[in-house]
Amino acid sequence: MNLKEVQLCFAVLWQQDRLIFKLAIMAGMRPGEIFALSWGRLTSSYVDIRQRVNVGAIDSPKTNQSIRKAALPEGLLLEIEACQPVSLVTQDNVWMCPSERMTPMSKDNCWNRNIKPKAEKVGLGWPIFS
């Protein structure tokens, strides 16, 4: 992706989907890590990655190197701060980007239902989360 394509995605995505996209692009997080992220793993400068969603189940990352702290740049912190007041629940043990049933969201559902249709409308039809 080039900068213009990234900015276009930021512009067309709904707030939670934009946060998911920014966590991937700006913090270098994998989809399984994003969807297993709870509010309690968030600090003022990084996200503590200790779990992932793998085939619908929460588990530990495959390697010790995958247990890490992902830095949060200022633009991403602002996005997270904007999402917190509109989130239904923000207790430490609640997912940052939950499904409608407050379970970890599926990356395929997120892509197919939320992101792909909006990306295709503006000419960005490639799989961001593949």
N, C-alpha and C. Protein backbone atom coordinates (compact mmCIF):
# COMPACT_ATOMS: atom_id res chain seq x y z
N MET A 1 0.84 -1.18 0.00
CA MET A 1 0.00 0.00 0.00
C MET A 1 0.88 1.24 0.00
N ASN A 2 0.43 2.23 -0.72
CA ASN A 2 1.14 3.49 -0.66
C ASN A 2 0.39 4.43 0.30
N LEU A 3 0.98 5.57 0.58
CA LEU A 3 0.42 6.50 1.56
C LEU A 3 -0.98 6.95 1.18
N LYS A 4 -1.20 7.23 -0.09
CA LYS A 4 -2.52 7.68 -0.54
C LYS A 4 -3.58 6.61 -0.30
N GLU A 5 -3.25 5.35 -0.55
CA GLU A 5 -4.19 4.25 -0.32
C GLU A 5 -4.50 4.08 1.17
N VAL A 6 -3.48 4.21 1.99
CA VAL A 6 -3.69 4.12 3.44
C VAL A 6 -4.61 5.24 3.91
N GLN A 7 -4.34 6.46 3.47
CA GLN A 7 -5.17 7.60 3.86
C GLN A 7 -6.61 7.44 3.38
N LEU A 8 -6.79 6.88 2.19
CA LEU A 8 -8.12 6.63 1.65
C LEU A 8 -8.87 5.62 2.52
N CYS A 9 -8.19 4.57 2.95
CA CYS A 9 -8.81 3.61 3.87
C CYS A 9 -9.20 4.28 5.18
N PHE A 10 -8.32 5.08 5.74
CA PHE A 10 -8.62 5.78 6.99
C PHE A 10 -9.88 6.63 6.82
N ALA A 11 -10.04 7.24 5.66
CA ALA A 11 -11.16 8.15 5.41
C ALA A 11 -12.51 7.44 5.28
N VAL A 12 -12.52 6.22 4.73
CA VAL A 12 -13.80 5.56 4.45
C VAL A 12 -14.25 4.58 5.53
N LEU A 13 -13.38 4.21 6.44
CA LEU A 13 -13.73 3.20 7.43
C LEU A 13 -14.42 3.81 8.65
N TRP A 14 -15.36 3.04 9.19
CA TRP A 14 -16.03 3.40 10.43
C TRP A 14 -15.01 3.34 11.55
N GLN A 15 -15.26 4.00 12.66
CA GLN A 15 -14.28 4.21 13.72
C GLN A 15 -13.62 2.92 14.22
N GLN A 16 -14.39 1.89 14.57
CA GLN A 16 -13.78 0.65 15.07
C GLN A 16 -12.95 -0.03 13.99
N ASP A 17 -13.45 -0.03 12.75
CA ASP A 17 -12.70 -0.65 11.66
C ASP A 17 -11.42 0.14 11.35
N ARG A 18 -11.50 1.45 11.48
CA ARG A 18 -10.31 2.29 11.28
C ARG A 18 -9.27 1.99 12.36
N LEU A 19 -9.74 1.77 13.60
CA LEU A 19 -8.82 1.42 14.69
C LEU A 19 -8.14 0.08 14.39
N ILE A 20 -8.89 -0.90 13.93
CA ILE A 20 -8.33 -2.21 13.58
C ILE A 20 -7.28 -2.04 12.49
N PHE A 21 -7.61 -1.29 11.46
CA PHE A 21 -6.70 -1.05 10.35
C PHE A 21 -5.44 -0.33 10.82
N LYS A 22 -5.60 0.66 11.69
CA LYS A 22 -4.44 1.40 12.19
C LYS A 22 -3.56 0.54 13.10
N LEU A 23 -4.17 -0.33 13.90
CA LEU A 23 -3.36 -1.23 14.72
C LEU A 23 -2.49 -2.12 13.84
N ALA A 24 -3.04 -2.55 12.70
CA ALA A 24 -2.27 -3.38 11.77
C ALA A 24 -1.18 -2.55 11.09
N ILE A 25 -1.54 -1.41 10.57
CA ILE A 25 -0.61 -0.59 9.77
C ILE A 25 0.42 0.13 10.65
N MET A 26 -0.04 0.77 11.72
CA MET A 26 0.84 1.64 12.50
C MET A 26 1.56 0.93 13.64
N ALA A 27 0.95 -0.11 14.22
CA ALA A 27 1.58 -0.82 15.33
C ALA A 27 2.16 -2.16 14.89
N GLY A 28 1.90 -2.56 13.65
CA GLY A 28 2.44 -3.81 13.14
C GLY A 28 1.83 -5.05 13.77
N MET A 29 0.60 -4.92 14.23
CA MET A 29 -0.05 -6.06 14.87
C MET A 29 -0.71 -6.97 13.84
N ARG A 30 -0.71 -8.25 14.14
CA ARG A 30 -1.36 -9.25 13.28
C ARG A 30 -2.86 -9.29 13.62
N PRO A 31 -3.71 -9.70 12.66
CA PRO A 31 -5.16 -9.73 12.95
C PRO A 31 -5.52 -10.52 14.20
N GLY A 32 -4.93 -11.69 14.42
CA GLY A 32 -5.23 -12.48 15.61
C GLY A 32 -4.88 -11.76 16.89
N GLU A 33 -3.83 -10.94 16.85
CA GLU A 33 -3.43 -10.16 18.03
C GLU A 33 -4.40 -9.00 18.26
N ILE A 34 -4.84 -8.38 17.18
CA ILE A 34 -5.77 -7.24 17.29
C ILE A 34 -7.08 -7.70 17.91
N PHE A 35 -7.63 -8.81 17.41
CA PHE A 35 -8.94 -9.26 17.88
C PHE A 35 -8.89 -9.89 19.26
N ALA A 36 -7.71 -10.24 19.76
CA ALA A 36 -7.57 -10.77 21.12
C ALA A 36 -7.13 -9.69 22.10
N LEU A 37 -7.11 -8.44 21.67
CA LEU A 37 -6.64 -7.34 22.50
C LEU A 37 -7.75 -6.84 23.42
N SER A 38 -7.44 -6.82 24.71
CA SER A 38 -8.40 -6.30 25.69
C SER A 38 -7.93 -4.92 26.16
N TRP A 39 -8.87 -4.14 26.69
CA TRP A 39 -8.53 -2.78 27.15
C TRP A 39 -7.44 -2.79 28.22
N GLY A 40 -7.37 -3.84 29.01
CA GLY A 40 -6.38 -3.93 30.09
C GLY A 40 -4.95 -4.09 29.59
N ARG A 41 -4.76 -4.46 28.33
CA ARG A 41 -3.42 -4.65 27.75
C ARG A 41 -2.88 -3.36 27.14
N LEU A 42 -3.62 -2.29 27.28
CA LEU A 42 -3.27 -1.01 26.69
C LEU A 42 -2.62 -0.10 27.73
N THR A 43 -1.49 0.52 27.37
CA THR A 43 -0.87 1.53 28.23
C THR A 43 -0.85 2.84 27.45
N SER A 44 -0.25 3.86 28.01
CA SER A 44 -0.21 5.16 27.34
C SER A 44 0.78 5.20 26.17
N SER A 45 1.61 4.17 26.02
CA SER A 45 2.58 4.21 24.92
C SER A 45 2.74 2.89 24.16
N TYR A 46 2.16 1.80 24.67
CA TYR A 46 2.29 0.52 23.98
C TYR A 46 1.13 -0.41 24.32
N VAL A 47 1.03 -1.48 23.53
CA VAL A 47 0.07 -2.55 23.76
C VAL A 47 0.88 -3.78 24.16
N ASP A 48 0.45 -4.44 25.22
CA ASP A 48 1.12 -5.65 25.69
C ASP A 48 0.47 -6.85 25.01
N ILE A 49 1.16 -7.48 24.08
CA ILE A 49 0.62 -8.60 23.31
C ILE A 49 1.00 -9.90 24.00
N ARG A 50 -0.01 -10.61 24.50
CA ARG A 50 0.22 -11.87 25.21
C ARG A 50 -0.69 -12.99 24.75
N GLN A 51 -1.65 -12.67 23.88
CA GLN A 51 -2.56 -13.70 23.40
C GLN A 51 -3.00 -13.36 21.98
N ARG A 52 -3.66 -14.33 21.35
CA ARG A 52 -4.16 -14.14 19.99
C ARG A 52 -5.43 -14.97 19.82
N VAL A 53 -6.18 -14.63 18.77
CA VAL A 53 -7.31 -15.45 18.37
C VAL A 53 -6.80 -16.33 17.25
N ASN A 54 -6.95 -17.63 17.42
CA ASN A 54 -6.49 -18.59 16.42
C ASN A 54 -7.63 -19.57 16.15
N VAL A 55 -8.18 -19.53 14.96
CA VAL A 55 -9.30 -20.39 14.57
C VAL A 55 -10.43 -20.30 15.61
N GLY A 56 -10.76 -19.08 15.99
CA GLY A 56 -11.87 -18.84 16.89
C GLY A 56 -11.60 -19.04 18.37
N ALA A 57 -10.41 -19.48 18.73
CA ALA A 57 -10.07 -19.71 20.14
C ALA A 57 -8.95 -18.78 20.58
N ILE A 58 -8.98 -18.38 21.83
CA ILE A 58 -7.92 -17.55 22.39
C ILE A 58 -6.79 -18.49 22.82
N ASP A 59 -5.58 -18.19 22.39
CA ASP A 59 -4.42 -18.96 22.83
C ASP A 59 -3.20 -18.06 22.90
N SER A 60 -2.08 -18.66 23.23
CA SER A 60 -0.82 -17.92 23.31
C SER A 60 -0.19 -17.83 21.92
N PRO A 61 0.61 -16.80 21.69
CA PRO A 61 1.34 -16.73 20.43
C PRO A 61 2.23 -17.95 20.23
N LYS A 62 2.54 -18.26 18.96
CA LYS A 62 3.31 -19.46 18.65
C LYS A 62 4.71 -19.46 19.25
N THR A 63 5.35 -18.30 19.29
CA THR A 63 6.73 -18.22 19.77
C THR A 63 6.87 -17.19 20.88
N ASN A 64 7.94 -17.30 21.64
CA ASN A 64 8.20 -16.31 22.69
C ASN A 64 8.45 -14.92 22.12
N GLN A 65 9.00 -14.85 20.90
CA GLN A 65 9.24 -13.55 20.27
C GLN A 65 7.93 -12.82 19.95
N SER A 66 6.84 -13.57 19.80
CA SER A 66 5.54 -12.96 19.51
C SER A 66 4.89 -12.36 20.75
N ILE A 67 5.37 -12.72 21.94
CA ILE A 67 4.91 -12.06 23.17
C ILE A 67 5.77 -10.81 23.29
N ARG A 68 5.13 -9.66 23.11
CA ARG A 68 5.91 -8.43 22.99
C ARG A 68 5.07 -7.20 23.33
N LYS A 69 5.72 -6.08 23.31
CA LYS A 69 5.06 -4.79 23.47
C LYS A 69 5.12 -4.08 22.12
N ALA A 70 3.96 -3.69 21.60
CA ALA A 70 3.89 -2.97 20.33
C ALA A 70 3.72 -1.48 20.62
N ALA A 71 4.63 -0.68 20.12
CA ALA A 71 4.59 0.77 20.34
C ALA A 71 3.34 1.37 19.70
N LEU A 72 2.79 2.38 20.37
CA LEU A 72 1.63 3.09 19.85
C LEU A 72 2.01 4.52 19.51
N PRO A 73 2.11 4.85 18.22
CA PRO A 73 2.41 6.23 17.84
C PRO A 73 1.26 7.16 18.24
N GLU A 74 1.56 8.45 18.30
CA GLU A 74 0.58 9.43 18.78
C GLU A 74 -0.73 9.38 18.00
N GLY A 75 -0.68 9.27 16.68
CA GLY A 75 -1.90 9.22 15.88
C GLY A 75 -2.77 8.03 16.23
N LEU A 76 -2.16 6.94 16.58
CA LEU A 76 -2.91 5.75 16.97
C LEU A 76 -3.49 5.92 18.37
N LEU A 77 -2.74 6.54 19.26
CA LEU A 77 -3.26 6.81 20.60
C LEU A 77 -4.50 7.69 20.54
N LEU A 78 -4.49 8.68 19.65
CA LEU A 78 -5.65 9.55 19.49
C LEU A 78 -6.87 8.77 19.00
N GLU A 79 -6.65 7.82 18.09
CA GLU A 79 -7.73 6.98 17.58
C GLU A 79 -8.31 6.11 18.71
N ILE A 80 -7.43 5.55 19.52
CA ILE A 80 -7.88 4.71 20.64
C ILE A 80 -8.68 5.56 21.64
N GLU A 81 -8.18 6.75 21.94
CA GLU A 81 -8.88 7.64 22.86
C GLU A 81 -10.26 8.03 22.32
N ALA A 82 -10.38 8.19 21.01
CA ALA A 82 -11.66 8.53 20.40
C ALA A 82 -12.63 7.36 20.46
N CYS A 83 -12.12 6.14 20.40
CA CYS A 83 -12.97 4.94 20.44
C CYS A 83 -13.47 4.62 21.84
N GLN A 84 -12.70 4.94 22.84
CA GLN A 84 -13.07 4.55 24.21
C GLN A 84 -14.42 5.09 24.66
N PRO A 85 -14.73 6.36 24.45
CA PRO A 85 -16.03 6.84 24.94
C PRO A 85 -17.23 6.23 24.23
N VAL A 86 -17.07 5.78 22.99
CA VAL A 86 -18.21 5.20 22.27
C VAL A 86 -18.28 3.68 22.38
N SER A 87 -17.28 3.07 23.00
CA SER A 87 -17.32 1.63 23.22
C SER A 87 -18.33 1.33 24.30
N LEU A 88 -19.05 0.21 24.14
CA LEU A 88 -20.09 -0.14 25.11
C LEU A 88 -19.51 -0.43 26.47
N VAL A 89 -18.38 -1.16 26.50
CA VAL A 89 -17.75 -1.56 27.75
C VAL A 89 -16.24 -1.40 27.58
N THR A 90 -15.58 -0.81 28.57
CA THR A 90 -14.13 -0.62 28.47
C THR A 90 -13.38 -1.14 29.70
N GLN A 91 -13.97 -2.12 30.39
CA GLN A 91 -13.24 -2.70 31.51
C GLN A 91 -12.02 -3.45 31.00
N ASP A 92 -11.07 -3.66 31.89
CA ASP A 92 -9.78 -4.25 31.50
C ASP A 92 -9.89 -5.59 30.78
N ASN A 93 -10.86 -6.41 31.12
CA ASN A 93 -10.94 -7.75 30.54
C ASN A 93 -11.83 -7.82 29.30
N VAL A 94 -12.29 -6.69 28.80
CA VAL A 94 -13.19 -6.65 27.64
C VAL A 94 -12.39 -6.39 26.36
N TRP A 95 -12.77 -7.05 25.28
CA TRP A 95 -12.09 -6.90 23.99
C TRP A 95 -12.22 -5.47 23.48
N MET A 96 -11.15 -4.95 22.91
CA MET A 96 -11.19 -3.60 22.34
C MET A 96 -12.06 -3.55 21.08
N CYS A 97 -12.05 -4.61 20.30
CA CYS A 97 -12.81 -4.66 19.05
C CYS A 97 -13.69 -5.91 19.05
N PRO A 98 -14.77 -5.93 19.85
CA PRO A 98 -15.56 -7.14 19.97
C PRO A 98 -16.57 -7.31 18.83
N SER A 99 -17.10 -8.51 18.73
CA SER A 99 -18.21 -8.77 17.82
C SER A 99 -19.48 -8.21 18.47
N GLU A 100 -20.60 -8.36 17.77
CA GLU A 100 -21.88 -7.89 18.31
C GLU A 100 -22.24 -8.62 19.61
N ARG A 101 -21.73 -9.85 19.78
CA ARG A 101 -22.01 -10.64 20.98
C ARG A 101 -20.94 -10.46 22.06
N MET A 102 -20.07 -9.48 21.89
CA MET A 102 -18.99 -9.17 22.84
C MET A 102 -17.98 -10.30 22.95
N THR A 103 -17.79 -11.06 21.87
CA THR A 103 -16.75 -12.09 21.79
C THR A 103 -15.67 -11.57 20.85
N PRO A 104 -14.51 -12.21 20.80
CA PRO A 104 -13.49 -11.75 19.85
C PRO A 104 -14.03 -11.83 18.41
N MET A 105 -13.84 -10.76 17.67
CA MET A 105 -14.31 -10.71 16.30
C MET A 105 -13.46 -11.63 15.42
N SER A 106 -14.07 -12.17 14.40
CA SER A 106 -13.36 -12.98 13.42
C SER A 106 -12.76 -12.07 12.36
N LYS A 107 -11.49 -12.32 11.99
CA LYS A 107 -10.86 -11.47 10.98
C LYS A 107 -11.60 -11.58 9.65
N ASP A 108 -12.10 -12.77 9.31
CA ASP A 108 -12.83 -12.93 8.05
C ASP A 108 -14.14 -12.16 8.07
N ASN A 109 -14.87 -12.21 9.18
CA ASN A 109 -16.11 -11.43 9.28
C ASN A 109 -15.82 -9.94 9.21
N CYS A 110 -14.81 -9.50 9.92
CA CYS A 110 -14.45 -8.07 9.90
C CYS A 110 -14.12 -7.63 8.48
N TRP A 111 -13.31 -8.42 7.78
CA TRP A 111 -12.92 -8.08 6.42
C TRP A 111 -14.13 -8.10 5.48
N ASN A 112 -14.88 -9.20 5.47
CA ASN A 112 -15.96 -9.36 4.51
C ASN A 112 -17.17 -8.46 4.75
N ARG A 113 -17.50 -8.21 6.00
CA ARG A 113 -18.68 -7.40 6.33
C ARG A 113 -18.39 -5.91 6.42
N ASN A 114 -17.23 -5.57 6.98
CA ASN A 114 -16.99 -4.17 7.33
C ASN A 114 -16.00 -3.46 6.41
N ILE A 115 -14.86 -4.06 6.19
CA ILE A 115 -13.79 -3.34 5.50
C ILE A 115 -13.84 -3.50 3.99
N LYS A 116 -13.98 -4.71 3.50
CA LYS A 116 -13.94 -4.97 2.06
C LYS A 116 -14.96 -4.15 1.27
N PRO A 117 -16.25 -4.10 1.68
CA PRO A 117 -17.21 -3.32 0.90
C PRO A 117 -16.84 -1.84 0.79
N LYS A 118 -16.34 -1.26 1.87
CA LYS A 118 -15.96 0.15 1.85
C LYS A 118 -14.71 0.38 1.02
N ALA A 119 -13.75 -0.54 1.14
CA ALA A 119 -12.52 -0.42 0.35
C ALA A 119 -12.81 -0.56 -1.14
N GLU A 120 -13.68 -1.49 -1.50
CA GLU A 120 -14.01 -1.69 -2.92
C GLU A 120 -14.72 -0.48 -3.51
N LYS A 121 -15.55 0.21 -2.72
CA LYS A 121 -16.27 1.40 -3.20
C LYS A 121 -15.31 2.49 -3.64
N VAL A 122 -14.13 2.53 -3.05
CA VAL A 122 -13.15 3.57 -3.41
C VAL A 122 -12.01 3.00 -4.24
N GLY A 123 -12.22 1.80 -4.79
CA GLY A 123 -11.23 1.22 -5.70
C GLY A 123 -10.09 0.47 -5.04
N LEU A 124 -10.25 0.11 -3.79
CA LEU A 124 -9.22 -0.65 -3.08
C LEU A 124 -9.76 -2.05 -2.79
N GLY A 125 -9.63 -2.96 -3.74
CA GLY A 125 -10.24 -4.26 -3.60
C GLY A 125 -9.33 -5.39 -3.16
N TRP A 126 -8.12 -5.11 -2.78
CA TRP A 126 -7.17 -6.16 -2.38
C TRP A 126 -7.37 -6.53 -0.93
N PRO A 127 -6.95 -7.71 -0.56
CA PRO A 127 -7.17 -8.18 0.82
C PRO A 127 -6.16 -7.59 1.80
N ILE A 128 -6.61 -6.67 2.60
CA ILE A 128 -5.76 -6.02 3.59
C ILE A 128 -5.30 -7.01 4.66
N PHE A 129 -6.19 -7.89 5.09
CA PHE A 129 -5.89 -8.81 6.18
C PHE A 129 -5.54 -10.21 5.70
N SER A 130 -5.03 -10.36 4.52
CA SER A 130 -4.71 -11.72 4.08
C SER A 130 -3.38 -12.17 4.62
